[in-house]
């Protein structure tokens, strides 16, 4: 596998020295935000990680090669190109074998991070069970990946376009710990509250790192969801967002949009209906997650894996 990985010098040196490294996804650049917000956010998030004592490793597939850490030119390529595929677990064999460019989702980023030996991954929000998922079986591959891949995922909860209750039930069934960062309520991406309480709430990166360290030391496979609420000053009203999402879902159904096209369509609709406020909230929560993720990576690096 190492023959297929191409590390940036910064990431290679950090991993060799046992320094903290934070994985970052690339789908948010290619498919999650418009230009220039996408590339500007990516660069700012990398600098936030560095400022907190860790090394950022944005992950992507370029020309069939797994890139662990990107150059500025590569970030710009992902931000501009319309030929970049959205890659989850099932897509990895094709994109790599065909020499394509791919931006990695949460699931694929977790896989690449584990291949590269990176324990902490920062994203915006995880995927989950879609609304009406009990009928459609539309369930994100992110959830399965969390049950089997040893990477801690720092996020602002699950995207609020999803059925959060079913998402938490799925994670519980598959034994995935969900830890609230200073909150006893699972955050709903744009909003700090979802109405669903958590069993575990911890205050500091050290406490969270200790939980993760013990989990893996016990041989318990799989990741940990580190649910970090969007800052109060950047949060959107939960009830208002739920109404907007319901209208966006109805529009998607009317237009026959399904599969992997649902999420980007809904995010675009939500952005339009909020007058761009959802995009500002998205950027704010990703940056906040980067701060927490970097501090967590520093603590985990001090503890080691065994």
Protein backbone atom coordinates (compact mmCIF):
# COMPACT_ATOMS: atom_id res chain seq x y z
CA UNK A 1 0.00 0.00 0.00
CA UNK A 2 2.83 2.41 0.78
CA UNK A 3 3.83 2.32 -2.91
CA UNK A 4 0.53 4.02 -3.73
CA UNK A 5 0.92 6.80 -1.14
CA UNK A 6 2.67 10.08 -1.92
CA UNK A 7 3.44 12.14 1.20
CA UNK A 8 4.24 15.82 1.20
CA UNK A 9 7.67 16.45 2.78
CA UNK A 10 6.00 18.20 5.76
CA UNK A 11 3.70 15.24 6.50
CA UNK A 12 6.37 12.61 5.89
CA UNK A 13 8.74 14.27 8.35
CA UNK A 14 6.01 14.68 10.96
CA UNK A 15 4.90 11.05 10.80
CA UNK A 16 8.48 9.78 10.89
CA UNK A 17 9.13 11.86 14.02
CA UNK A 18 5.90 10.81 15.74
CA UNK A 19 4.53 14.35 15.64
CA UNK A 20 0.76 15.01 15.64
CA UNK A 21 -0.86 14.99 12.20
CA UNK A 22 -4.47 15.84 11.33
CA UNK A 23 -6.18 14.44 8.23
CA UNK A 24 -8.45 16.76 6.24
CA UNK A 25 -10.94 15.74 3.56
CA UNK A 26 -10.96 17.09 0.02
CA UNK A 27 -14.64 16.73 -0.91
CA UNK A 28 -15.34 19.97 0.91
CA UNK A 29 -13.03 21.64 -1.63
CA UNK A 30 -14.35 20.00 -4.80
CA UNK A 31 -18.00 19.44 -3.96
CA UNK A 32 -18.83 21.14 -0.68
CA UNK A 33 -18.26 24.86 -1.26
CA UNK A 34 -18.17 27.32 -4.18
CA UNK A 35 -14.97 29.01 -5.37
CA UNK A 36 -13.15 30.88 -3.86
CA UNK A 37 -14.56 29.99 -0.43
CA UNK A 38 -13.54 26.36 -0.94
CA UNK A 39 -9.83 26.89 -1.45
CA UNK A 40 -9.59 29.80 1.00
CA UNK A 41 -11.23 27.71 3.71
CA UNK A 42 -8.92 24.77 2.96
CA UNK A 43 -5.84 26.96 3.34
CA UNK A 44 -7.13 28.65 6.50
CA UNK A 45 -7.98 25.30 8.10
CA UNK A 46 -4.46 24.03 7.39
CA UNK A 47 -3.00 27.12 9.08
CA UNK A 48 -5.26 26.68 12.10
CA UNK A 49 -4.01 23.10 12.51
CA UNK A 50 -0.39 24.30 12.33
CA UNK A 51 -1.06 27.09 14.83
CA UNK A 52 -2.27 24.50 17.36
CA UNK A 53 0.88 22.40 17.14
CA UNK A 54 -0.09 19.76 14.56
CA UNK A 55 0.62 19.15 10.87
CA UNK A 56 -2.27 19.21 8.36
CA UNK A 57 -2.59 16.43 5.78
CA UNK A 58 -5.28 17.13 3.23
CA UNK A 59 -6.04 13.84 1.46
CA UNK A 60 -7.04 13.32 -2.16
CA UNK A 61 -6.38 11.11 -5.18
CA UNK A 62 -4.61 12.77 -8.08
CA UNK A 63 -3.78 10.79 -11.21
CA UNK A 64 -4.58 7.60 -9.33
CA UNK A 65 -2.06 8.36 -6.59
CA UNK A 66 -3.10 8.78 -2.97
CA UNK A 67 -1.85 12.18 -1.87
CA UNK A 68 -1.15 12.66 1.82
CA UNK A 69 -0.71 16.41 2.11
CA UNK A 70 -1.30 18.74 -0.84
CA UNK A 71 0.59 21.61 -2.39
CA UNK A 72 -1.10 24.96 -2.96
CA UNK A 73 -1.28 24.16 -6.70
CA UNK A 74 -3.01 20.84 -5.94
CA UNK A 75 -5.53 22.58 -3.69
CA UNK A 76 -6.28 25.04 -6.49
CA UNK A 77 -6.68 22.16 -8.95
CA UNK A 78 -9.29 20.50 -6.72
CA UNK A 79 -11.08 23.82 -6.28
CA UNK A 80 -11.31 24.53 -10.04
CA UNK A 81 -11.48 21.21 -11.89
CA UNK A 82 -14.85 19.78 -12.93
CA UNK A 83 -13.27 16.37 -13.55
CA UNK A 84 -12.69 15.51 -9.88
CA UNK A 85 -14.82 12.57 -8.80
CA UNK A 86 -16.49 12.28 -5.40
CA UNK A 87 -14.89 9.22 -3.80
CA UNK A 88 -16.20 6.95 -1.06
CA UNK A 89 -15.02 3.41 -0.13
CA UNK A 90 -16.63 1.74 -3.14
CA UNK A 91 -15.04 4.22 -5.57
CA UNK A 92 -11.43 3.85 -4.43
CA UNK A 93 -10.52 0.82 -6.63
CA UNK A 94 -11.82 2.45 -9.81
CA UNK A 95 -10.39 5.92 -9.24
CA UNK A 96 -6.95 4.55 -8.32
CA UNK A 97 -6.80 1.89 -11.06
CA UNK A 98 -8.04 4.30 -13.75
CA UNK A 99 -5.62 7.05 -12.75
CA UNK A 100 -8.41 9.53 -12.07
CA UNK A 101 -8.64 12.53 -9.76
CA UNK A 102 -10.82 12.08 -6.70
CA UNK A 103 -11.92 14.13 -3.71
CA UNK A 104 -12.45 11.97 -0.65
CA UNK A 105 -15.61 11.85 1.47
CA UNK A 106 -15.56 11.15 5.21
CA UNK A 107 -15.50 7.38 4.62
CA UNK A 108 -12.70 7.47 2.05
CA UNK A 109 -10.67 9.99 4.05
CA UNK A 110 -10.84 7.70 7.09
CA UNK A 111 -9.51 4.81 5.00
CA UNK A 112 -6.64 6.86 3.55
CA UNK A 113 -5.82 8.29 6.98
CA UNK A 114 -5.55 4.81 8.46
CA UNK A 115 -3.34 3.71 5.56
CA UNK A 116 -1.10 6.70 6.23
CA UNK A 117 -0.99 6.16 10.00
CA UNK A 118 -3.00 9.26 10.95
CA UNK A 119 -5.29 8.96 13.99
CA UNK A 120 -7.33 12.18 13.85
CA UNK A 121 -9.50 13.48 11.03
CA UNK A 122 -11.30 16.84 10.97
CA UNK A 123 -14.40 17.38 8.85
CA UNK A 124 -17.55 19.52 8.86
CA UNK A 125 -20.22 16.92 9.57
CA UNK A 126 -20.51 13.17 9.12
CA UNK A 127 -23.04 11.55 6.82
CA UNK A 128 -25.75 9.38 8.26
CA UNK A 129 -29.19 7.90 7.76
CA UNK A 130 -31.22 10.08 5.41
CA UNK A 131 -34.72 11.14 6.29
CA UNK A 132 -37.09 8.29 5.36
CA UNK A 133 -34.00 6.09 5.46
CA UNK A 134 -36.02 3.34 7.14
CA UNK A 135 -37.87 3.03 3.81
CA UNK A 136 -35.17 3.90 1.27
CA UNK A 137 -32.14 2.37 3.05
CA UNK A 138 -30.25 5.54 2.06
CA UNK A 139 -27.48 5.32 4.64
CA UNK A 140 -24.10 7.00 4.28
CA UNK A 141 -21.02 4.78 4.00
CA UNK A 142 -19.51 7.05 6.67
CA UNK A 143 -21.35 5.13 9.38
CA UNK A 144 -20.02 1.71 8.36
CA UNK A 145 -16.54 3.17 8.12
CA UNK A 146 -16.77 4.52 11.64
CA UNK A 147 -17.50 1.00 12.89
CA UNK A 148 -14.36 -0.53 11.36
CA UNK A 149 -11.65 2.08 10.76
CA UNK A 150 -9.46 3.30 13.62
CA UNK A 151 -9.68 7.05 13.12
CA UNK A 152 -11.20 9.65 15.44
CA UNK A 153 -13.50 12.01 13.52
CA UNK A 154 -13.95 15.55 14.80
CA UNK A 155 -17.17 17.01 13.42
CA UNK A 156 -20.07 19.34 14.19
CA UNK A 157 -22.33 16.31 14.48
CA UNK A 158 -24.25 14.96 11.50
CA UNK A 159 -25.46 17.12 8.65
CA UNK A 160 -28.86 18.47 9.64
CA UNK A 161 -30.40 17.32 6.35
CA UNK A 162 -30.28 13.79 7.85
CA UNK A 163 -32.39 11.85 10.33
CA UNK A 164 -30.21 12.40 13.37
CA UNK A 165 -32.12 10.03 15.63
CA UNK A 166 -31.69 7.09 13.24
CA UNK A 167 -28.06 8.06 12.67
CA UNK A 168 -27.32 7.84 16.39
CA UNK A 169 -29.19 4.53 16.64
CA UNK A 170 -27.06 3.13 13.81
CA UNK A 171 -23.84 4.25 15.48
CA UNK A 172 -24.93 2.71 18.78
CA UNK A 173 -25.77 -0.61 17.09
CA UNK A 174 -22.30 -0.72 15.56
CA UNK A 175 -20.53 0.17 18.80
CA UNK A 176 -19.22 3.58 17.77
CA UNK A 177 -18.64 5.93 20.74
CA UNK A 178 -20.09 9.41 20.29
CA UNK A 179 -18.45 12.00 22.56
CA UNK A 180 -19.81 15.51 22.99
CA UNK A 181 -17.21 18.26 23.36
CA UNK A 182 -18.56 20.24 26.29
CA UNK A 183 -22.14 19.35 25.36
CA UNK A 184 -24.64 16.73 26.45
CA UNK A 185 -26.70 17.20 23.27
CA UNK A 186 -25.65 15.95 19.85
CA UNK A 187 -25.05 18.97 17.59
CA UNK A 188 -26.88 19.29 14.27
CA UNK A 189 -24.21 20.87 12.05
CA UNK A 190 -25.58 24.41 11.54
CA UNK A 191 -27.24 24.29 14.97
CA UNK A 192 -25.92 23.47 18.43
CA UNK A 193 -28.94 21.38 19.37
CA UNK A 194 -30.72 18.42 17.83
CA UNK A 195 -32.93 17.28 20.67
CA UNK A 196 -30.89 14.08 21.15
CA UNK A 197 -28.86 13.66 24.33
CA UNK A 198 -25.46 12.00 24.49
CA UNK A 199 -24.24 9.41 26.97
CA UNK A 200 -20.72 10.86 27.08
CA UNK A 201 -19.72 14.52 27.38
CA UNK A 202 -16.09 15.53 27.97
CA UNK A 203 -14.57 18.97 28.36
CA UNK A 204 -10.92 18.77 27.32
CA UNK A 205 -8.88 17.30 24.45
CA UNK A 206 -6.87 15.36 27.05
CA UNK A 207 -10.01 13.61 28.36
CA UNK A 208 -11.17 12.76 24.86
CA UNK A 209 -7.71 11.53 23.84
CA UNK A 210 -7.62 9.27 26.90
CA UNK A 211 -10.95 7.68 25.91
CA UNK A 212 -9.74 7.09 22.34
CA UNK A 213 -6.39 5.76 23.55
CA UNK A 214 -8.05 3.28 25.91
CA UNK A 215 -10.51 2.15 23.20
CA UNK A 216 -7.76 1.22 20.77
CA UNK A 217 -5.51 -0.16 23.52
CA UNK A 218 -8.30 -2.60 24.37
CA UNK A 219 -8.34 -3.83 20.79
CA UNK A 220 -11.79 -2.36 20.09
CA UNK A 221 -11.82 -1.63 16.39
CA UNK A 222 -13.43 1.38 14.81
CA UNK A 223 -13.52 5.12 15.10
CA UNK A 224 -14.90 7.64 17.55
CA UNK A 225 -17.24 10.51 16.73
CA UNK A 226 -16.03 13.66 18.48
CA UNK A 227 -19.10 15.89 18.28
CA UNK A 228 -18.01 19.52 18.55
CA UNK A 229 -20.87 22.06 18.40
CA UNK A 230 -20.65 25.09 16.13
CA UNK A 231 -19.74 28.19 18.17
CA UNK A 232 -22.78 29.97 19.62
CA UNK A 233 -22.15 33.17 17.69
CA UNK A 234 -22.10 31.30 14.35
CA UNK A 235 -25.02 28.91 14.94
CA UNK A 236 -28.31 29.09 13.05
CA UNK A 237 -31.74 28.58 14.60
CA UNK A 238 -32.55 24.86 14.78
CA UNK A 239 -36.30 25.17 14.14
CA UNK A 240 -35.83 27.54 11.21
CA UNK A 241 -33.21 25.26 9.67
CA UNK A 242 -35.47 22.22 10.05
CA UNK A 243 -38.23 24.01 8.12
CA UNK A 244 -35.80 25.03 5.36
CA UNK A 245 -34.46 21.48 5.08
CA UNK A 246 -37.96 20.03 4.82
CA UNK A 247 -38.72 22.36 1.91
CA UNK A 248 -35.42 21.49 0.23
CA UNK A 249 -36.16 17.77 0.61
CA UNK A 250 -39.59 18.21 -0.97
CA UNK A 251 -37.99 20.00 -3.92
CA UNK A 252 -35.43 17.22 -4.36
CA UNK A 253 -38.22 14.64 -4.42
CA UNK A 254 -40.19 16.67 -6.96
CA UNK A 255 -37.15 16.80 -9.25
CA UNK A 256 -36.36 13.09 -8.85
CA UNK A 257 -32.91 13.69 -7.36
CA UNK A 258 -31.47 10.62 -5.64
CA UNK A 259 -28.27 8.82 -4.58
CA UNK A 260 -25.05 10.75 -4.15
CA UNK A 261 -26.60 13.81 -5.83
CA UNK A 262 -29.01 14.38 -2.93
CA UNK A 263 -26.57 15.89 -0.45
CA UNK A 264 -24.98 18.51 -2.75
CA UNK A 265 -28.43 19.48 -4.05
CA UNK A 266 -29.78 19.95 -0.53
CA UNK A 267 -26.75 21.93 0.60
CA UNK A 268 -27.11 24.25 -2.42
CA UNK A 269 -30.82 24.72 -1.71
CA UNK A 270 -30.20 25.42 1.96
CA UNK A 271 -27.55 27.98 1.03
CA UNK A 272 -29.99 29.68 -1.37
CA UNK A 273 -32.86 29.73 1.13
CA UNK A 274 -30.67 31.10 3.95
CA UNK A 275 -29.22 33.83 1.77
CA UNK A 276 -25.72 32.39 2.18
CA UNK A 277 -25.88 32.18 5.99
CA UNK A 278 -25.48 28.39 5.89
CA UNK A 279 -22.20 28.71 3.98
CA UNK A 280 -20.83 31.14 6.58
CA UNK A 281 -21.88 28.75 9.33
CA UNK A 282 -20.25 25.83 7.49
CA UNK A 283 -16.94 27.67 7.24
CA UNK A 284 -17.07 28.70 10.91
CA UNK A 285 -17.73 25.19 12.19
CA UNK A 286 -14.99 23.62 10.06
CA UNK A 287 -12.46 26.08 11.47
CA UNK A 288 -13.66 25.40 15.02
CA UNK A 289 -13.34 21.65 14.43
CA UNK A 290 -9.78 22.19 13.15
CA UNK A 291 -8.79 23.81 16.44
CA UNK A 292 -10.23 20.99 18.51
CA UNK A 293 -8.87 18.32 16.17
CA UNK A 294 -5.33 19.68 16.29
CA UNK A 295 -5.38 19.84 20.09
CA UNK A 296 -6.72 16.27 20.21
CA UNK A 297 -3.98 15.07 17.84
CA UNK A 298 -1.32 16.65 20.06
CA UNK A 299 -2.69 14.80 23.11
CA UNK A 300 -2.93 11.47 21.26
CA UNK A 301 0.61 11.80 19.93
CA UNK A 302 1.86 12.24 23.51
CA UNK A 303 0.00 9.09 24.59
CA UNK A 304 1.05 6.91 21.66
CA UNK A 305 -0.96 3.99 20.30
CA UNK A 306 -0.11 1.14 22.68
